[in-house]
PDB file of N, CA and C in Angstrom:
ATOM      1  N   MET A   1      12.369  -6.185 125.336  1.00  0.00           N
ATOM      2  CA  MET A   1      11.296  -6.458 124.551  1.00  0.00           C
ATOM      3  C   MET A   1      10.170  -5.996 125.311  1.00  0.00           C
ATOM      4  N   PHE A   2       9.071  -5.452 124.591  1.00  0.00           N
ATOM      5  CA  PHE A   2       7.744  -4.955 125.293  1.00  0.00           C
ATOM      6  C   PHE A   2       7.011  -6.085 125.867  1.00  0.00           C
ATOM      7  N   ARG A   3       6.383  -5.603 126.951  1.00  0.00           N
ATOM      8  CA  ARG A   3       5.456  -6.475 127.347  1.00  0.00           C
ATOM      9  C   ARG A   3       4.227  -6.555 126.359  1.00  0.00           C
ATOM     10  N   MET A   4       3.611  -7.639 126.562  1.00  0.00           N
ATOM     11  CA  MET A   4       2.577  -8.065 125.519  1.00  0.00           C
ATOM     12  C   MET A   4       1.581  -6.978 125.322  1.00  0.00           C
ATOM     13  N   GLU A   5       1.208  -6.284 126.598  1.00  0.00           N
ATOM     14  CA  GLU A   5       0.007  -5.270 126.410  1.00  0.00           C
ATOM     15  C   GLU A   5       0.609  -3.903 125.583  1.00  0.00           C
ATOM     16  N   ASP A   6       1.838  -3.599 125.999  1.00  0.00           N
ATOM     17  CA  ASP A   6       2.415  -2.625 125.378  1.00  0.00           C
ATOM     18  C   ASP A   6       2.511  -2.875 123.875  1.00  0.00           C
ATOM     19  N   ARG A   7       2.981  -4.140 123.321  1.00  0.00           N
ATOM     20  CA  ARG A   7       2.831  -4.633 122.018  1.00  0.00           C
ATOM     21  C   ARG A   7       1.753  -4.275 121.383  1.00  0.00           C
ATOM     22  N   ILE A   8       0.526  -4.718 121.969  1.00  0.00           N
ATOM     23  CA  ILE A   8      -0.638  -4.718 121.427  1.00  0.00           C
ATOM     24  C   ILE A   8      -1.219  -3.172 121.209  1.00  0.00           C
ATOM     25  N   ARG A   9      -0.978  -2.302 122.249  1.00  0.00           N
ATOM     26  CA  ARG A   9      -1.239  -0.975 122.154  1.00  0.00           C
ATOM     27  C   ARG A   9      -0.403  -0.167 121.073  1.00  0.00           C
ATOM     28  N   LYS A  10       0.781  -0.703 120.921  1.00  0.00           N
ATOM     29  CA  LYS A  10       1.639  -0.029 119.768  1.00  0.00           C
ATOM     30  C   LYS A  10       1.132  -0.333 118.345  1.00  0.00           C
ATOM     31  N   LEU A  11       0.685  -1.653 118.280  1.00  0.00           N
ATOM     32  CA  LEU A  11       0.118  -2.174 116.998  1.00  0.00           C
ATOM     33  C   LEU A  11      -1.194  -1.416 116.516  1.00  0.00           C
ATOM     34  N   CYS A  12      -2.081  -1.346 117.637  1.00  0.00           N
ATOM     35  CA  CYS A  12      -3.187  -0.628 117.574  1.00  0.00           C
ATOM     36  C   CYS A  12      -2.924   0.805 117.092  1.00  0.00           C
ATOM     37  N   SER A  13      -2.288   1.372 117.511  1.00  0.00           N
ATOM     38  CA  SER A  13      -1.625   2.803 117.268  1.00  0.00           C
ATOM     39  C   SER A  13      -1.151   2.955 115.826  1.00  0.00           C
ATOM     40  N   GLN A  14      -0.281   1.958 115.359  1.00  0.00           N
ATOM     41  CA  GLN A  14       0.267   2.167 114.074  1.00  0.00           C
ATOM     42  C   GLN A  14      -0.819   1.704 113.250  1.00  0.00           C
ATOM     43  N   ILE A  15      -1.849   1.109 113.423  1.00  0.00           N
ATOM     44  CA  ILE A  15      -3.047   0.764 112.575  1.00  0.00           C
ATOM     45  C   ILE A  15      -3.849   1.854 112.217  1.00  0.00           C
ATOM     46  N   LEU A  16      -4.225   2.574 113.471  1.00  0.00           N
ATOM     47  CA  LEU A  16      -4.831   3.871 113.454  1.00  0.00           C
ATOM     48  C   LEU A  16      -4.375   4.932 112.673  1.00  0.00           C
ATOM     49  N   ALA A  17      -2.709   4.857 112.731  1.00  0.00           N
ATOM     50  CA  ALA A  17      -2.205   5.978 111.979  1.00  0.00           C
ATOM     51  C   ALA A  17      -1.866   5.717 110.599  1.00  0.00           C
ATOM     52  N   THR A  18      -1.848   4.628 110.408  1.00  0.00           N
ATOM     53  CA  THR A  18      -1.486   4.154 108.953  1.00  0.00           C
ATOM     54  C   THR A  18      -2.878   4.599 107.755  1.00  0.00           C
ATOM     55  N   THR A  19      -2.615   5.098 106.752  1.00  0.00           N
ATOM     56  CA  THR A  19      -3.446   5.549 105.752  1.00  0.00           C
ATOM     57  C   THR A  19      -3.474   4.943 104.438  1.00  0.00           C
ATOM     58  N   LYS A  20      -2.363   3.847 104.426  1.00  0.00           N
ATOM     59  CA  LYS A  20      -2.152   2.962 103.206  1.00  0.00           C
ATOM     60  C   LYS A  20      -2.728   1.657 103.520  1.00  0.00           C
ATOM     61  N   ASP A  21      -3.794   1.063 102.778  1.00  0.00           N
ATOM     62  CA  ASP A  21      -4.036  -0.161 102.952  1.00  0.00           C
ATOM     63  C   ASP A  21      -3.343  -1.477 102.906  1.00  0.00           C
ATOM     64  N   GLU A  22      -2.168  -1.191 101.810  1.00  0.00           N
ATOM     65  CA  GLU A  22      -1.043  -2.283 101.905  1.00  0.00           C
ATOM     66  C   GLU A  22      -0.390  -2.362 103.322  1.00  0.00           C
ATOM     67  N   GLU A  23      -0.110  -1.333 103.846  1.00  0.00           N
ATOM     68  CA  GLU A  23       0.692  -1.317 105.178  1.00  0.00           C
ATOM     69  C   GLU A  23      -0.204  -1.737 106.338  1.00  0.00           C
ATOM     70  N   ILE A  24      -1.707  -1.978 106.264  1.00  0.00           N
ATOM     71  CA  ILE A  24      -2.319  -2.322 107.394  1.00  0.00           C
ATOM     72  C   ILE A  24      -2.605  -3.655 107.642  1.00  0.00           C
ATOM     73  N   GLU A  25      -2.634  -4.581 106.440  1.00  0.00           N
ATOM     74  CA  GLU A  25      -2.709  -5.999 106.388  1.00  0.00           C
ATOM     75  C   GLU A  25      -1.511  -6.506 107.188  1.00  0.00           C
ATOM     76  N   PRO A  26      -0.297  -6.359 107.141  1.00  0.00           N
ATOM     77  CA  PRO A  26       0.734  -7.116 107.936  1.00  0.00           C
ATOM     78  C   PRO A  26       0.578  -6.482 109.470  1.00  0.00           C
ATOM     79  N   LEU A  27       0.079  -5.282 109.518  1.00  0.00           N
ATOM     80  CA  LEU A  27       0.049  -4.961 111.039  1.00  0.00           C
ATOM     81  C   LEU A  27      -1.064  -5.709 111.586  1.00  0.00           C
ATOM     82  N   LEU A  28      -2.311  -5.703 110.892  1.00  0.00           N
ATOM     83  CA  LEU A  28      -3.419  -6.757 111.305  1.00  0.00           C
ATOM     84  C   LEU A  28      -2.878  -8.152 111.602  1.00  0.00           C
ATOM     85  N   VAL A  29      -2.170  -8.685 110.741  1.00  0.00           N
ATOM     86  CA  VAL A  29      -1.673 -10.094 111.037  1.00  0.00           C
ATOM     87  C   VAL A  29      -0.834 -10.108 112.188  1.00  0.00           C
ATOM     88  N   GLU A  30       0.024  -9.204 112.805  1.00  0.00           N
ATOM     89  CA  GLU A  30       0.759  -9.212 113.678  1.00  0.00           C
ATOM     90  C   GLU A  30      -0.049  -9.159 114.983  1.00  0.00           C
ATOM     91  N   LEU A  31      -1.013  -8.005 114.716  1.00  0.00           N
ATOM     92  CA  LEU A  31      -2.001  -7.894 115.941  1.00  0.00           C
ATOM     93  C   LEU A  31      -2.869  -8.935 116.295  1.00  0.00           C
ATOM     94  N   ARG A  32      -3.135  -9.574 115.464  1.00  0.00           N
ATOM     95  CA  ARG A  32      -3.954 -10.917 115.302  1.00  0.00           C
ATOM     96  C   ARG A  32      -3.172 -12.087 116.483  1.00  0.00           C
ATOM     97  N   GLN A  33      -1.921 -12.027 116.033  1.00  0.00           N
ATOM     98  CA  GLN A  33      -0.920 -13.023 116.595  1.00  0.00           C
ATOM     99  C   GLN A  33      -0.561 -12.315 117.948  1.00  0.00           C
ATOM    100  N   ALA A  34      -0.606 -11.417 118.316  1.00  0.00           N
ATOM    101  CA  ALA A  34      -0.445 -10.898 119.528  1.00  0.00           C
ATOM    102  C   ALA A  34      -1.387 -10.884 120.665  1.00  0.00           C
ATOM    103  N   LEU A  35      -2.748 -10.737 119.809  1.00  0.00           N
ATOM    104  CA  LEU A  35      -3.745 -11.252 120.779  1.00  0.00           C
ATOM    105  C   LEU A  35      -4.030 -12.644 121.288  1.00  0.00           C
ATOM    106  N   ARG A  36      -3.754 -13.406 120.162  1.00  0.00           N
ATOM    107  CA  ARG A  36      -3.709 -14.694 120.507  1.00  0.00           C
ATOM    108  C   ARG A  36      -2.703 -15.306 121.445  1.00  0.00           C
ATOM    109  N   LEU A  37      -1.494 -14.956 121.364  1.00  0.00           N
ATOM    110  CA  LEU A  37      -0.585 -15.200 122.370  1.00  0.00           C
ATOM    111  C   LEU A  37      -0.920 -14.588 123.783  1.00  0.00           C
ATOM    112  N   HIS A  38      -1.482 -13.293 123.838  1.00  0.00           N
ATOM    113  CA  HIS A  38      -1.729 -12.868 125.081  1.00  0.00           C
ATOM    114  C   HIS A  38      -3.220 -13.648 125.553  1.00  0.00           C
ATOM    115  N   ILE A  39      -4.073 -13.948 124.880  1.00  0.00           N
ATOM    116  CA  ILE A  39      -5.141 -14.852 125.378  1.00  0.00           C
ATOM    117  C   ILE A  39      -4.539 -16.200 125.847  1.00  0.00           C
ATOM    118  N   GLU A  40      -3.608 -16.781 125.086  1.00  0.00           N
ATOM    119  CA  GLU A  40      -3.264 -17.897 125.573  1.00  0.00           C
ATOM    120  C   GLU A  40      -2.459 -18.085 126.748  1.00  0.00           C
ATOM    121  N   GLY A  41      -1.798 -16.797 127.046  1.00  0.00           N
ATOM    122  CA  GLY A  41      -1.048 -16.596 128.380  1.00  0.00           C
ATOM    123  C   GLY A  41      -2.022 -16.614 129.447  1.00  0.00           C
ATOM    124  N   LEU A  42      -3.221 -15.509 129.252  1.00  0.00           N
ATOM    125  CA  LEU A  42      -4.140 -15.416 130.272  1.00  0.00           C
ATOM    126  C   LEU A  42      -4.790 -16.707 130.564  1.00  0.00           C
ATOM    127  N   ARG A  43      -5.085 -17.665 129.766  1.00  0.00           N
ATOM    128  CA  ARG A  43      -5.793 -18.967 129.777  1.00  0.00           C
ATOM    129  C   ARG A  43      -4.763 -19.738 130.749  1.00  0.00           C
ATOM    130  N   ARG A  44      -3.352 -19.658 130.378  1.00  0.00           N
ATOM    131  CA  ARG A  44      -2.368 -20.475 131.326  1.00  0.00           C
ATOM    132  C   ARG A  44      -2.411 -19.810 132.779  1.00  0.00           C
ATOM    133  N   ARG A  45      -2.439 -18.696 132.845  1.00  0.00           N
ATOM    134  CA  ARG A  45      -2.460 -18.132 134.188  1.00  0.00           C
ATOM    135  C   ARG A  45      -3.633 -18.488 135.106  1.00  0.00           C
ATOM    136  N   LEU A  46      -4.882 -18.319 134.272  1.00  0.00           N
ATOM    137  CA  LEU A  46      -6.186 -18.478 134.980  1.00  0.00           C
ATOM    138  C   LEU A  46      -6.021 -20.012 135.306  1.00  0.00           C
ATOM    139  N   GLY A  47      -5.813 -20.829 134.826  1.00  0.00           N
ATOM    140  CA  GLY A  47      -5.689 -22.354 134.834  1.00  0.00           C
ATOM    141  C   GLY A  47      -4.981 -22.650 136.177  1.00  0.00           C
ATOM    142  N   SER A  48      -4.047 -21.835 136.544  1.00  0.00           N
ATOM    143  CA  SER A  48      -3.374 -22.231 137.920  1.00  0.00           C
ATOM    144  C   SER A  48      -3.884 -21.225 138.819  1.00  0.00           C
ATOM    145  N   TYR A  49      -4.813 -20.302 138.594  1.00  0.00           N
ATOM    146  CA  TYR A  49      -5.284 -19.474 139.618  1.00  0.00           C
ATOM    147  C   TYR A  49      -6.156 -20.081 140.895  1.00  0.00           C
ATOM    148  N   PRO A  50      -5.776 -19.994 142.189  1.00  0.00           N
ATOM    149  CA  PRO A  50      -6.328 -20.583 143.032  1.00  0.00           C
ATOM    150  C   PRO A  50      -8.027 -20.124 143.437  1.00  0.00           C
ATOM    151  N   PHE A  51      -8.832 -20.824 143.019  1.00  0.00           N
ATOM    152  CA  PHE A  51     -10.297 -20.484 143.246  1.00  0.00           C
ATOM    153  C   PHE A  51     -10.548 -20.872 144.403  1.00  0.00           C
ATOM    154  N   LEU A  52     -11.487 -19.981 145.232  1.00  0.00           N
ATOM    155  CA  LEU A  52     -11.917 -20.069 146.401  1.00  0.00           C
ATOM    156  C   LEU A  52     -13.221 -21.561 146.304  1.00  0.00           C
ATOM    157  N   LEU A  53     -13.006 -22.328 147.350  1.00  0.00           N
ATOM    158  CA  LEU A  53     -14.065 -23.250 147.408  1.00  0.00           C
ATOM    159  C   LEU A  53     -15.362 -22.741 148.069  1.00  0.00           C
ATOM    160  N   GLU A  54     -16.454 -23.182 147.722  1.00  0.00           N
ATOM    161  CA  GLU A  54     -17.634 -22.650 148.442  1.00  0.00           C
ATOM    162  C   GLU A  54     -17.620 -23.332 149.929  1.00  0.00           C
ATOM    163  N   ARG A  55     -17.660 -22.272 150.782  1.00  0.00           N
ATOM    164  CA  ARG A  55     -17.548 -22.793 152.273  1.00  0.00           C
ATOM    165  C   ARG A  55     -19.042 -23.410 152.744  1.00  0.00           C
ATOM    166  N   ARG A  56     -19.881 -22.929 152.124  1.00  0.00           N
ATOM    167  CA  ARG A  56     -21.357 -23.456 152.532  1.00  0.00           C
ATOM    168  C   ARG A  56     -21.712 -24.750 151.893  1.00  0.00           C
ATOM    169  N   GLN A  57     -22.184 -25.895 152.678  1.00  0.00           N
ATOM    170  CA  GLN A  57     -22.540 -26.923 151.996  1.00  0.00           C
ATOM    171  C   GLN A  57     -23.956 -27.006 151.455  1.00  0.00           C
ATOM    172  N   ARG A  58     -24.017 -27.606 150.372  1.00  0.00           N
ATOM    173  CA  ARG A  58     -25.580 -27.649 149.755  1.00  0.00           C
ATOM    174  C   ARG A  58     -26.109 -28.643 150.577  1.00  0.00           C
ATOM    175  N   SER A  59     -27.181 -28.390 150.864  1.00  0.00           N
ATOM    176  CA  SER A  59     -28.210 -29.144 151.521  1.00  0.00           C
ATOM    177  C   SER A  59     -28.859 -30.333 150.699  1.00  0.00           C
ATOM    178  N   GLN A  60     -29.188 -31.446 151.080  1.00  0.00           N
ATOM    179  CA  GLN A  60     -29.700 -32.396 150.158  1.00  0.00           C
ATOM    180  C   GLN A  60     -31.279 -32.090 150.136  1.00  0.00           C
ATOM    181  N   ILE A  61     -31.775 -31.808 149.031  1.00  0.00           N
ATOM    182  CA  ILE A  61     -33.412 -31.771 148.943  1.00  0.00           C
ATOM    183  C   ILE A  61     -33.866 -33.116 148.784  1.00  0.00           C
ATOM    184  N   PRO A  62     -34.928 -33.288 149.913  1.00  0.00           N
ATOM    185  CA  PRO A  62     -35.435 -34.696 149.977  1.00  0.00           C
ATOM    186  C   PRO A  62     -36.475 -34.923 148.725  1.00  0.00           C
ATOM    187  N   PRO A  63     -36.460 -36.178 148.320  1.00  0.00           N
ATOM    188  CA  PRO A  63     -37.271 -36.612 147.181  1.00  0.00           C
ATOM    189  C   PRO A  63     -38.739 -35.986 147.386  1.00  0.00           C
ATOM    190  N   LEU A  64     -39.458 -35.754 146.299  1.00  0.00           N
ATOM    191  CA  LEU A  64     -40.767 -35.267 146.544  1.00  0.00           C
ATOM    192  C   LEU A  64     -41.687 -36.311 146.910  1.00  0.00           C
ATOM    193  N   ASP A  65     -42.531 -36.209 147.897  1.00  0.00           N
ATOM    194  CA  ASP A  65     -43.388 -37.375 148.204  1.00  0.00           C
ATOM    195  C   ASP A  65     -44.780 -37.330 147.368  1.00  0.00           C
ATOM    196  N   HIS A  66     -44.799 -38.585 146.466  1.00  0.00           N
ATOM    197  CA  HIS A  66     -45.663 -38.386 145.398  1.00  0.00           C
ATOM    198  C   HIS A  66     -47.303 -38.289 145.958  1.00  0.00           C
ATOM    199  N   GLN A  67     -47.373 -39.026 147.305  1.00  0.00           N
ATOM    200  CA  GLN A  67     -48.784 -39.092 147.797  1.00  0.00           C
ATOM    201  C   GLN A  67     -49.126 -37.819 148.272  1.00  0.00           C
ATOM    202  N   ALA A  68     -48.178 -36.850 148.858  1.00  0.00           N
ATOM    203  CA  ALA A  68     -48.618 -35.711 149.448  1.00  0.00           C
ATOM    204  C   ALA A  68     -49.050 -34.731 148.182  1.00  0.00           C
ATOM    205  N   ARG A  69     -48.225 -34.947 146.871  1.00  0.00           N
ATOM    206  CA  ARG A  69     -48.591 -34.160 145.703  1.00  0.00           C
ATOM    207  C   ARG A  69     -49.960 -34.467 145.187  1.00  0.00           C
ATOM    208  N   GLU A  70     -50.269 -35.666 145.301  1.00  0.00           N
ATOM    209  CA  GLU A  70     -51.660 -36.168 144.759  1.00  0.00           C
ATOM    210  C   GLU A  70     -52.782 -35.442 145.635  1.00  0.00           C
ATOM    211  N   ASP A  71     -52.438 -35.593 147.166  1.00  0.00           N
ATOM    212  CA  ASP A  71     -53.523 -34.977 148.021  1.00  0.00           C
ATOM    213  C   ASP A  71     -53.682 -33.619 147.700  1.00  0.00           C
ATOM    214  N   THR A  72     -52.776 -32.893 147.437  1.00  0.00           N
ATOM    215  CA  THR A  72     -52.901 -31.300 147.277  1.00  0.00           C
ATOM    216  C   THR A  72     -53.789 -31.111 145.814  1.00  0.00           C
ATOM    217  N   ALA A  73     -53.450 -31.945 145.002  1.00  0.00           N
ATOM    218  CA  ALA A  73     -54.145 -31.769 143.512  1.00  0.00           C
ATOM    219  C   ALA A  73     -55.449 -31.875 143.763  1.00  0.00           C
ATOM    220  N   LYS A  74     -56.019 -32.699 144.531  1.00  0.00           N
ATOM    221  CA  LYS A  74     -57.414 -32.887 144.846  1.00  0.00           C
ATOM    222  C   LYS A  74     -58.298 -31.887 145.288  1.00  0.00           C
TER     223      LYS A  74
END
């Protein structure tokens, strides 16, 4: 069996080579299905991908001093 990418390429080539409209419709349905399966497979693989955790810690921003803000506004 072909790899999914090969199958998608083959279907695209067949669609571009086809001149009759009645032959294109089933190929488009098959291409849509192959693309959907490929996307689902990528989502599954991405879900288990080990993402890097951010090494730096976010520092806490101190709360805004309302008195100091009022003093600067005057």
